[in-house]
Amino acid sequence: MLRNMYKNQHVVKTERGWGIRGEKNSRITKNFDTQQEAIERARDIAINQESELLIHGKDGKIRERSSYGNDPFPPKG
């Protein structure tokens, strides 16, 4: 099985609005005023890197996730 060499992208609530954070990064890559702006940019990054996009709610819990590469076929389950 191939390991994904790129980082999953997380959209998270920040003090300044919403931000994108690469998986296992402690720093925010970029801040946005709205969650929608952050989601759109993070989706572009995830598509480009063939990784996953994880969208967190204001409470910090993952509310949605989308995968843009390296999916097993057929899917398990």
C-alpha atoms as a PDB file:
ATOM      1  CA  MET A   1       0.000   0.000   0.000  1.00  0.00           C
ATOM      2  CA  LEU A   2       1.335   3.415  -0.932  1.00  0.00           C
ATOM      3  CA  ARG A   3       1.608   5.991   1.830  1.00  0.00           C
ATOM      4  CA  ASN A   4       0.415   9.469   1.117  1.00  0.00           C
ATOM      5  CA  MET A   5       3.486  11.692   0.978  1.00  0.00           C
ATOM      6  CA  TYR A   6       1.516  14.899   1.419  1.00  0.00           C
ATOM      7  CA  LYS A   7      -0.137  16.283   4.516  1.00  0.00           C
ATOM      8  CA  ASN A   8      -3.848  16.288   5.115  1.00  0.00           C
ATOM      9  CA  GLN A   9      -5.277  19.787   5.373  1.00  0.00           C
ATOM     10  CA  HIS A  10      -7.352  20.854   8.378  1.00  0.00           C
ATOM     11  CA  VAL A  11      -9.696  23.864   8.439  1.00  0.00           C
ATOM     12  CA  VAL A  12      -9.789  25.072  12.041  1.00  0.00           C
ATOM     13  CA  LYS A  13     -11.183  27.971  14.088  1.00  0.00           C
ATOM     14  CA  THR A  14      -8.516  30.502  15.065  1.00  0.00           C
ATOM     15  CA  GLU A  15      -8.392  33.709  17.092  1.00  0.00           C
ATOM     16  CA  ARG A  16      -8.477  35.670  13.821  1.00  0.00           C
ATOM     17  CA  GLY A  17     -11.242  33.703  12.080  1.00  0.00           C
ATOM     18  CA  TRP A  18     -10.513  30.431  10.300  1.00  0.00           C
ATOM     19  CA  GLY A  19      -7.238  28.885   9.249  1.00  0.00           C
ATOM     20  CA  ILE A  20      -5.632  26.055   7.330  1.00  0.00           C
ATOM     21  CA  ARG A  21      -3.213  23.816   9.180  1.00  0.00           C
ATOM     22  CA  GLY A  22      -1.263  20.949   7.634  1.00  0.00           C
ATOM     23  CA  GLU A  23      -1.475  17.691   9.561  1.00  0.00           C
ATOM     24  CA  LYS A  24       0.994  17.548  12.478  1.00  0.00           C
ATOM     25  CA  ASN A  25       1.894  21.227  12.000  1.00  0.00           C
ATOM     26  CA  SER A  26       1.633  23.437  15.044  1.00  0.00           C
ATOM     27  CA  ARG A  27       1.336  26.637  13.011  1.00  0.00           C
ATOM     28  CA  ILE A  28      -1.508  27.847  10.830  1.00  0.00           C
ATOM     29  CA  THR A  29      -0.545  27.982   7.133  1.00  0.00           C
ATOM     30  CA  LYS A  30      -2.932  30.832   6.338  1.00  0.00           C
ATOM     31  CA  ASN A  31      -5.774  32.692   8.073  1.00  0.00           C
ATOM     32  CA  PHE A  32      -9.103  33.691   6.519  1.00  0.00           C
ATOM     33  CA  ASP A  33     -12.042  35.814   7.643  1.00  0.00           C
ATOM     34  CA  THR A  34     -14.604  33.099   6.893  1.00  0.00           C
ATOM     35  CA  GLN A  35     -14.706  29.331   7.137  1.00  0.00           C
ATOM     36  CA  GLN A  36     -15.875  29.129   3.510  1.00  0.00           C
ATOM     37  CA  GLU A  37     -12.763  30.961   2.263  1.00  0.00           C
ATOM     38  CA  ALA A  38     -10.559  28.593   4.268  1.00  0.00           C
ATOM     39  CA  ILE A  39     -12.419  25.528   2.955  1.00  0.00           C
ATOM     40  CA  GLU A  40     -12.068  26.628  -0.676  1.00  0.00           C
ATOM     41  CA  ARG A  41      -8.306  27.175  -0.357  1.00  0.00           C
ATOM     42  CA  ALA A  42      -7.743  24.012   1.686  1.00  0.00           C
ATOM     43  CA  ARG A  43      -9.705  22.003  -0.901  1.00  0.00           C
ATOM     44  CA  ASP A  44      -7.422  23.316  -3.660  1.00  0.00           C
ATOM     45  CA  ILE A  45      -4.353  22.287  -1.632  1.00  0.00           C
ATOM     46  CA  ALA A  46      -5.784  18.833  -0.853  1.00  0.00           C
ATOM     47  CA  ILE A  47      -6.644  18.229  -4.514  1.00  0.00           C
ATOM     48  CA  ASN A  48      -3.180  19.353  -5.608  1.00  0.00           C
ATOM     49  CA  GLN A  49      -1.471  17.161  -3.010  1.00  0.00           C
ATOM     50  CA  GLU A  50      -3.901  14.234  -3.374  1.00  0.00           C
ATOM     51  CA  SER A  51      -4.587  14.294   0.363  1.00  0.00           C
ATOM     52  CA  GLU A  52      -7.585  14.667   2.660  1.00  0.00           C
ATOM     53  CA  LEU A  53      -9.489  17.779   3.687  1.00  0.00           C
ATOM     54  CA  LEU A  54     -10.799  17.771   7.263  1.00  0.00           C
ATOM     55  CA  ILE A  55     -13.218  20.526   8.246  1.00  0.00           C
ATOM     56  CA  HIS A  56     -13.549  21.247  11.958  1.00  0.00           C
ATOM     57  CA  GLY A  57     -16.500  23.032  13.540  1.00  0.00           C
ATOM     58  CA  LYS A  58     -16.241  25.867  16.059  1.00  0.00           C
ATOM     59  CA  ASP A  59     -16.064  23.208  18.799  1.00  0.00           C
ATOM     60  CA  GLY A  60     -12.921  21.708  17.223  1.00  0.00           C
ATOM     61  CA  LYS A  61     -14.577  18.419  16.265  1.00  0.00           C
ATOM     62  CA  ILE A  62     -14.313  17.152  12.695  1.00  0.00           C
ATOM     63  CA  ARG A  63     -17.648  17.786  11.020  1.00  0.00           C
ATOM     64  CA  GLU A  64     -16.744  16.786   7.466  1.00  0.00           C
ATOM     65  CA  ARG A  65     -13.926  15.115   5.582  1.00  0.00           C
ATOM     66  CA  SER A  66     -13.194  14.614   1.896  1.00  0.00           C
ATOM     67  CA  SER A  67     -10.484  12.575   0.242  1.00  0.00           C
ATOM     68  CA  TYR A  68      -8.775  13.668  -2.964  1.00  0.00           C
ATOM     69  CA  GLY A  69      -6.409  10.796  -3.707  1.00  0.00           C
ATOM     70  CA  ASN A  70      -4.888   7.436  -2.836  1.00  0.00           C
ATOM     71  CA  ASP A  71      -8.271   5.900  -2.072  1.00  0.00           C
ATOM     72  CA  PRO A  72      -8.445   2.108  -2.046  1.00  0.00           C
ATOM     73  CA  PHE A  73     -10.629   0.667  -4.768  1.00  0.00           C
ATOM     74  CA  PRO A  74     -12.978  -0.939  -4.155  1.00  0.00           C
ATOM     75  CA  PRO A  75     -13.661   0.887  -0.890  1.00  0.00           C
ATOM     76  CA  LYS A  76     -13.697  -1.144   2.314  1.00  0.00           C
ATOM     77  CA  GLY A  77     -17.067  -1.836   3.898  1.00  0.00           C
END
